[in-house]
Amino acid sequence: MEKQLIVSVPNVSGEEGLTIACKSGDLFRNDSKLDELYRDGFRIYDYEVEEVKERKSKGFRETLVKVFLRK
């Protein structure tokens, strides 16, 4: 069984920031649905960066990631 989920990762910009967020566990801390799927036995097998948002005036960064999971 496969699922797809769009995850918003705050304070992350692009691939490099996403790698850091994954290693530190921030990807799961920021999305309860992803955490729930992981507990149900799903595992990430691929991802795709959908959009990177940056507002320099406010110091805001966010990356939207489409996560592909399999059970």
PDB file of N, CA and C in Angstrom:
ATOM      1  N   MET A   1       0.842  -1.166   0.000  1.00  0.00           N
ATOM      2  CA  MET A   1       0.000   0.000   0.000  1.00  0.00           C
ATOM      3  C   MET A   1       0.896   1.240   0.000  1.00  0.00           C
ATOM      4  N   GLU A   2       0.503   2.224  -0.790  1.00  0.00           N
ATOM      5  CA  GLU A   2       1.275   3.468  -0.873  1.00  0.00           C
ATOM      6  C   GLU A   2       0.411   4.664  -0.504  1.00  0.00           C
ATOM      7  N   LYS A   3       1.054   5.685   0.016  1.00  0.00           N
ATOM      8  CA  LYS A   3       0.381   6.943   0.343  1.00  0.00           C
ATOM      9  C   LYS A   3       1.300   8.088  -0.032  1.00  0.00           C
ATOM     10  N   GLN A   4       0.681   9.245  -0.274  1.00  0.00           N
ATOM     11  CA  GLN A   4       1.424  10.479  -0.531  1.00  0.00           C
ATOM     12  C   GLN A   4       0.911  11.534   0.431  1.00  0.00           C
ATOM     13  N   LEU A   5       1.804  12.392   0.851  1.00  0.00           N
ATOM     14  CA  LEU A   5       1.442  13.424   1.808  1.00  0.00           C
ATOM     15  C   LEU A   5       2.288  14.661   1.542  1.00  0.00           C
ATOM     16  N   ILE A   6       1.671  15.832   1.587  1.00  0.00           N
ATOM     17  CA  ILE A   6       2.416  17.090   1.479  1.00  0.00           C
ATOM     18  C   ILE A   6       2.721  17.560   2.897  1.00  0.00           C
ATOM     19  N   VAL A   7       3.991  17.770   3.179  1.00  0.00           N
ATOM     20  CA  VAL A   7       4.446  18.173   4.505  1.00  0.00           C
ATOM     21  C   VAL A   7       5.076  19.556   4.420  1.00  0.00           C
ATOM     22  N   SER A   8       4.704  20.423   5.332  1.00  0.00           N
ATOM     23  CA  SER A   8       5.299  21.751   5.432  1.00  0.00           C
ATOM     24  C   SER A   8       6.385  21.705   6.500  1.00  0.00           C
ATOM     25  N   VAL A   9       7.596  22.067   6.112  1.00  0.00           N
ATOM     26  CA  VAL A   9       8.716  22.043   7.055  1.00  0.00           C
ATOM     27  C   VAL A   9       9.183  23.480   7.269  1.00  0.00           C
ATOM     28  N   PRO A  10       8.829  24.088   8.420  1.00  0.00           N
ATOM     29  CA  PRO A  10       9.212  25.478   8.673  1.00  0.00           C
ATOM     30  C   PRO A  10      10.698  25.623   8.975  1.00  0.00           C
ATOM     31  N   ASN A  11      11.204  26.816   8.733  1.00  0.00           N
ATOM     32  CA  ASN A  11      12.605  27.166   9.000  1.00  0.00           C
ATOM     33  C   ASN A  11      13.584  26.302   8.220  1.00  0.00           C
ATOM     34  N   VAL A  12      13.145  25.834   7.053  1.00  0.00           N
ATOM     35  CA  VAL A  12      13.982  25.000   6.195  1.00  0.00           C
ATOM     36  C   VAL A  12      13.921  25.572   4.796  1.00  0.00           C
ATOM     37  N   SER A  13      15.071  25.612   4.147  1.00  0.00           N
ATOM     38  CA  SER A  13      15.117  26.139   2.792  1.00  0.00           C
ATOM     39  C   SER A  13      15.782  25.137   1.858  1.00  0.00           C
ATOM     40  N   GLY A  14      15.010  24.519   0.983  1.00  0.00           N
ATOM     41  CA  GLY A  14      15.542  23.647  -0.057  1.00  0.00           C
ATOM     42  C   GLY A  14      16.055  22.307   0.417  1.00  0.00           C
ATOM     43  N   GLU A  15      16.784  21.641  -0.472  1.00  0.00           N
ATOM     44  CA  GLU A  15      17.273  20.274  -0.256  1.00  0.00           C
ATOM     45  C   GLU A  15      18.216  20.159   0.945  1.00  0.00           C
ATOM     46  N   GLU A  16      19.152  21.088   1.051  1.00  0.00           N
ATOM     47  CA  GLU A  16      20.132  21.015   2.141  1.00  0.00           C
ATOM     48  C   GLU A  16      19.447  21.139   3.498  1.00  0.00           C
ATOM     49  N   GLY A  17      18.556  22.106   3.614  1.00  0.00           N
ATOM     50  CA  GLY A  17      17.816  22.280   4.864  1.00  0.00           C
ATOM     51  C   GLY A  17      16.926  21.093   5.171  1.00  0.00           C
ATOM     52  N   LEU A  18      16.353  20.510   4.126  1.00  0.00           N
ATOM     53  CA  LEU A  18      15.492  19.346   4.296  1.00  0.00           C
ATOM     54  C   LEU A  18      16.290  18.156   4.816  1.00  0.00           C
ATOM     55  N   THR A  19      17.489  17.967   4.310  1.00  0.00           N
ATOM     56  CA  THR A  19      18.353  16.885   4.784  1.00  0.00           C
ATOM     57  C   THR A  19      18.649  17.053   6.269  1.00  0.00           C
ATOM     58  N   ILE A  20      18.950  18.266   6.679  1.00  0.00           N
ATOM     59  CA  ILE A  20      19.224  18.546   8.095  1.00  0.00           C
ATOM     60  C   ILE A  20      17.982  18.271   8.939  1.00  0.00           C
ATOM     61  N   ALA A  21      16.811  18.714   8.460  1.00  0.00           N
ATOM     62  CA  ALA A  21      15.556  18.503   9.191  1.00  0.00           C
ATOM     63  C   ALA A  21      15.253  17.013   9.352  1.00  0.00           C
ATOM     64  N   CYS A  22      15.509  16.232   8.322  1.00  0.00           N
ATOM     65  CA  CYS A  22      15.270  14.783   8.389  1.00  0.00           C
ATOM     66  C   CYS A  22      16.188  14.123   9.409  1.00  0.00           C
ATOM     67  N   LYS A  23      17.455  14.492   9.388  1.00  0.00           N
ATOM     68  CA  LYS A  23      18.424  13.889  10.308  1.00  0.00           C
ATOM     69  C   LYS A  23      18.130  14.246  11.759  1.00  0.00           C
ATOM     70  N   SER A  24      17.591  15.444  11.993  1.00  0.00           N
ATOM     71  CA  SER A  24      17.301  15.864  13.365  1.00  0.00           C
ATOM     72  C   SER A  24      15.905  15.444  13.820  1.00  0.00           C
ATOM     73  N   GLY A  25      15.101  14.872  12.911  1.00  0.00           N
ATOM     74  CA  GLY A  25      13.755  14.427  13.270  1.00  0.00           C
ATOM     75  C   GLY A  25      12.689  15.498  13.163  1.00  0.00           C
ATOM     76  N   ASP A  26      13.051  16.689  12.680  1.00  0.00           N
ATOM     77  CA  ASP A  26      12.089  17.789  12.590  1.00  0.00           C
ATOM     78  C   ASP A  26      10.960  17.512  11.611  1.00  0.00           C
ATOM     79  N   LEU A  27      11.197  16.683  10.630  1.00  0.00           N
ATOM     80  CA  LEU A  27      10.161  16.370   9.653  1.00  0.00           C
ATOM     81  C   LEU A  27       8.952  15.752  10.347  1.00  0.00           C
ATOM     82  N   PHE A  28       9.193  14.856  11.298  1.00  0.00           N
ATOM     83  CA  PHE A  28       8.101  14.191  12.001  1.00  0.00           C
ATOM     84  C   PHE A  28       7.484  15.080  13.072  1.00  0.00           C
ATOM     85  N   ARG A  29       8.261  15.921  13.690  1.00  0.00           N
ATOM     86  CA  ARG A  29       7.747  16.801  14.739  1.00  0.00           C
ATOM     87  C   ARG A  29       6.766  17.832  14.210  1.00  0.00           C
ATOM     88  N   ASN A  30       6.900  18.165  12.940  1.00  0.00           N
ATOM     89  CA  ASN A  30       6.082  19.232  12.376  1.00  0.00           C
ATOM     90  C   ASN A  30       4.818  18.748  11.689  1.00  0.00           C
ATOM     91  N   ASP A  31       4.600  17.459  11.589  1.00  0.00           N
ATOM     92  CA  ASP A  31       3.408  16.966  10.908  1.00  0.00           C
ATOM     93  C   ASP A  31       2.869  15.730  11.616  1.00  0.00           C
ATOM     94  N   SER A  32       1.747  15.890  12.288  1.00  0.00           N
ATOM     95  CA  SER A  32       1.176  14.786  13.059  1.00  0.00           C
ATOM     96  C   SER A  32       0.679  13.657  12.160  1.00  0.00           C
ATOM     97  N   LYS A  33       0.205  13.979  10.952  1.00  0.00           N
ATOM     98  CA  LYS A  33      -0.274  12.940  10.031  1.00  0.00           C
ATOM     99  C   LYS A  33       0.881  12.037   9.590  1.00  0.00           C
ATOM    100  N   LEU A  34       2.033  12.634   9.303  1.00  0.00           N
ATOM    101  CA  LEU A  34       3.210  11.850   8.923  1.00  0.00           C
ATOM    102  C   LEU A  34       3.644  10.959  10.083  1.00  0.00           C
ATOM    103  N   ASP A  35       3.635  11.501  11.280  1.00  0.00           N
ATOM    104  CA  ASP A  35       3.988  10.728  12.470  1.00  0.00           C
ATOM    105  C   ASP A  35       3.022   9.552  12.645  1.00  0.00           C
ATOM    106  N   GLU A  36       1.743   9.806  12.436  1.00  0.00           N
ATOM    107  CA  GLU A  36       0.721   8.760  12.561  1.00  0.00           C
ATOM    108  C   GLU A  36       0.929   7.645  11.532  1.00  0.00           C
ATOM    109  N   LEU A  37       1.204   8.019  10.289  1.00  0.00           N
ATOM    110  CA  LEU A  37       1.458   7.019   9.246  1.00  0.00           C
ATOM    111  C   LEU A  37       2.700   6.193   9.568  1.00  0.00           C
ATOM    112  N   TYR A  38       3.723   6.850  10.095  1.00  0.00           N
ATOM    113  CA  TYR A  38       4.956   6.151  10.459  1.00  0.00           C
ATOM    114  C   TYR A  38       4.679   5.121  11.553  1.00  0.00           C
ATOM    115  N   ARG A  39       3.858   5.497  12.520  1.00  0.00           N
ATOM    116  CA  ARG A  39       3.503   4.568  13.600  1.00  0.00           C
ATOM    117  C   ARG A  39       2.669   3.395  13.087  1.00  0.00           C
ATOM    118  N   ASP A  40       1.922   3.639  11.993  1.00  0.00           N
ATOM    119  CA  ASP A  40       1.108   2.582  11.384  1.00  0.00           C
ATOM    120  C   ASP A  40       1.925   1.665  10.475  1.00  0.00           C
ATOM    121  N   GLY A  41       3.221   1.883  10.390  1.00  0.00           N
ATOM    122  CA  GLY A  41       4.086   0.988   9.628  1.00  0.00           C
ATOM    123  C   GLY A  41       4.512   1.497   8.262  1.00  0.00           C
ATOM    124  N   PHE A  42       4.087   2.699   7.891  1.00  0.00           N
ATOM    125  CA  PHE A  42       4.511   3.263   6.610  1.00  0.00           C
ATOM    126  C   PHE A  42       5.928   3.806   6.743  1.00  0.00           C
ATOM    127  N   ARG A  43       6.687   3.729   5.649  1.00  0.00           N
ATOM    128  CA  ARG A  43       8.048   4.256   5.630  1.00  0.00           C
ATOM    129  C   ARG A  43       8.240   5.102   4.386  1.00  0.00           C
ATOM    130  N   ILE A  44       9.010   6.158   4.518  1.00  0.00           N
ATOM    131  CA  ILE A  44       9.294   7.045   3.394  1.00  0.00           C
ATOM    132  C   ILE A  44      10.246   6.334   2.440  1.00  0.00           C
ATOM    133  N   TYR A  45       9.879   6.280   1.175  1.00  0.00           N
ATOM    134  CA  TYR A  45      10.781   5.703   0.183  1.00  0.00           C
ATOM    135  C   TYR A  45      11.240   6.739  -0.829  1.00  0.00           C
ATOM    136  N   ASP A  46      10.570   7.888  -0.877  1.00  0.00           N
ATOM    137  CA  ASP A  46      10.985   8.947  -1.789  1.00  0.00           C
ATOM    138  C   ASP A  46      10.319  10.253  -1.367  1.00  0.00           C
ATOM    139  N   TYR A  47      10.850  11.353  -1.855  1.00  0.00           N
ATOM    140  CA  TYR A  47      10.237  12.655  -1.601  1.00  0.00           C
ATOM    141  C   TYR A  47      10.540  13.573  -2.768  1.00  0.00           C
ATOM    142  N   GLU A  48       9.799  14.657  -2.826  1.00  0.00           N
ATOM    143  CA  GLU A  48       9.946  15.624  -3.909  1.00  0.00           C
ATOM    144  C   GLU A  48       9.695  17.012  -3.322  1.00  0.00           C
ATOM    145  N   VAL A  49      10.627  17.918  -3.501  1.00  0.00           N
ATOM    146  CA  VAL A  49      10.425  19.287  -3.023  1.00  0.00           C
ATOM    147  C   VAL A  49       9.416  19.957  -3.946  1.00  0.00           C
ATOM    148  N   GLU A  50       8.306  20.397  -3.367  1.00  0.00           N
ATOM    149  CA  GLU A  50       7.239  21.031  -4.135  1.00  0.00           C
ATOM    150  C   GLU A  50       7.471  22.536  -4.282  1.00  0.00           C
ATOM    151  N   GLU A  51       7.815  23.183  -3.174  1.00  0.00           N
ATOM    152  CA  GLU A  51       7.938  24.644  -3.193  1.00  0.00           C
ATOM    153  C   GLU A  51       8.796  25.103  -2.020  1.00  0.00           C
ATOM    154  N   VAL A  52       9.588  26.121  -2.256  1.00  0.00           N
ATOM    155  CA  VAL A  52      10.384  26.746  -1.202  1.00  0.00           C
ATOM    156  C   VAL A  52       9.890  28.178  -1.063  1.00  0.00           C
ATOM    157  N   LYS A  53       9.474  28.528   0.155  1.00  0.00           N
ATOM    158  CA  LYS A  53       8.965  29.877   0.412  1.00  0.00           C
ATOM    159  C   LYS A  53       9.947  30.602   1.320  1.00  0.00           C
ATOM    160  N   GLU A  54      10.310  31.804   0.929  1.00  0.00           N
ATOM    161  CA  GLU A  54      11.187  32.629   1.766  1.00  0.00           C
ATOM    162  C   GLU A  54      10.674  34.054   1.775  1.00  0.00           C
ATOM    163  N   ARG A  55      10.565  34.607   2.956  1.00  0.00           N
ATOM    164  CA  ARG A  55      10.225  36.020   3.107  1.00  0.00           C
ATOM    165  C   ARG A  55      11.345  36.653   3.919  1.00  0.00           C
ATOM    166  N   LYS A  56      12.292  37.212   3.215  1.00  0.00           N
ATOM    167  CA  LYS A  56      13.486  37.743   3.875  1.00  0.00           C
ATOM    168  C   LYS A  56      13.159  38.872   4.841  1.00  0.00           C
ATOM    169  N   SER A  57      12.127  39.651   4.539  1.00  0.00           N
ATOM    170  CA  SER A  57      11.778  40.763   5.422  1.00  0.00           C
ATOM    171  C   SER A  57      11.348  40.277   6.804  1.00  0.00           C
ATOM    172  N   LYS A  58      10.770  39.084   6.864  1.00  0.00           N
ATOM    173  CA  LYS A  58      10.316  38.538   8.146  1.00  0.00           C
ATOM    174  C   LYS A  58      11.196  37.388   8.624  1.00  0.00           C
ATOM    175  N   GLY A  59      12.196  37.023   7.832  1.00  0.00           N
ATOM    176  CA  GLY A  59      13.077  35.922   8.207  1.00  0.00           C
ATOM    177  C   GLY A  59      12.367  34.578   8.202  1.00  0.00           C
ATOM    178  N   PHE A  60      11.359  34.430   7.367  1.00  0.00           N
ATOM    179  CA  PHE A  60      10.544  33.226   7.312  1.00  0.00           C
ATOM    180  C   PHE A  60      10.984  32.336   6.159  1.00  0.00           C
ATOM    181  N   ARG A  61      11.199  31.064   6.459  1.00  0.00           N
ATOM    182  CA  ARG A  61      11.523  30.076   5.428  1.00  0.00           C
ATOM    183  C   ARG A  61      10.657  28.847   5.653  1.00  0.00           C
ATOM    184  N   GLU A  62      10.276  28.226   4.556  1.00  0.00           N
ATOM    185  CA  GLU A  62       9.457  27.024   4.646  1.00  0.00           C
ATOM    186  C   GLU A  62       9.621  26.234   3.351  1.00  0.00           C
ATOM    187  N   THR A  63       9.666  24.930   3.470  1.00  0.00           N
ATOM    188  CA  THR A  63       9.738  24.069   2.301  1.00  0.00           C
ATOM    189  C   THR A  63       8.546  23.118   2.334  1.00  0.00           C
ATOM    190  N   LEU A  64       7.826  23.050   1.216  1.00  0.00           N
ATOM    191  CA  LEU A  64       6.734  22.089   1.077  1.00  0.00           C
ATOM    192  C   LEU A  64       7.284  20.862   0.365  1.00  0.00           C
ATOM    193  N   VAL A  65       7.073  19.707   0.968  1.00  0.00           N
ATOM    194  CA  VAL A  65       7.645  18.464   0.467  1.00  0.00           C
ATOM    195  C   VAL A  65       6.538  17.436   0.259  1.00  0.00           C
ATOM    196  N   LYS A  66       6.527  16.811  -0.918  1.00  0.00           N
ATOM    197  CA  LYS A  66       5.618  15.684  -1.148  1.00  0.00           C
ATOM    198  C   LYS A  66       6.386  14.431  -0.746  1.00  0.00           C
ATOM    199  N   VAL A  67       5.831  13.710   0.218  1.00  0.00           N
ATOM    200  CA  VAL A  67       6.474  12.517   0.756  1.00  0.00           C
ATOM    201  C   VAL A  67       5.728  11.286   0.242  1.00  0.00           C
ATOM    202  N   PHE A  68       6.474  10.311  -0.268  1.00  0.00           N
ATOM    203  CA  PHE A  68       5.901   9.059  -0.758  1.00  0.00           C
ATOM    204  C   PHE A  68       6.207   7.971   0.270  1.00  0.00           C
ATOM    205  N   LEU A  69       5.163   7.277   0.717  1.00  0.00           N
ATOM    206  CA  LEU A  69       5.316   6.264   1.759  1.00  0.00           C
ATOM    207  C   LEU A  69       4.787   4.914   1.290  1.00  0.00           C
ATOM    208  N   ARG A  70       5.380   3.848   1.811  1.00  0.00           N
ATOM    209  CA  ARG A  70       4.935   2.472   1.548  1.00  0.00           C
ATOM    210  C   ARG A  70       4.819   1.727   2.862  1.00  0.00           C
ATOM    211  N   LYS A  71       3.898   0.794   2.860  1.00  0.00           N
ATOM    212  CA  LYS A  71       3.738  -0.053   4.039  1.00  0.00           C
ATOM    213  C   LYS A  71       4.320  -1.419   3.743  1.00  0.00           C
TER     214      LYS A  71
END
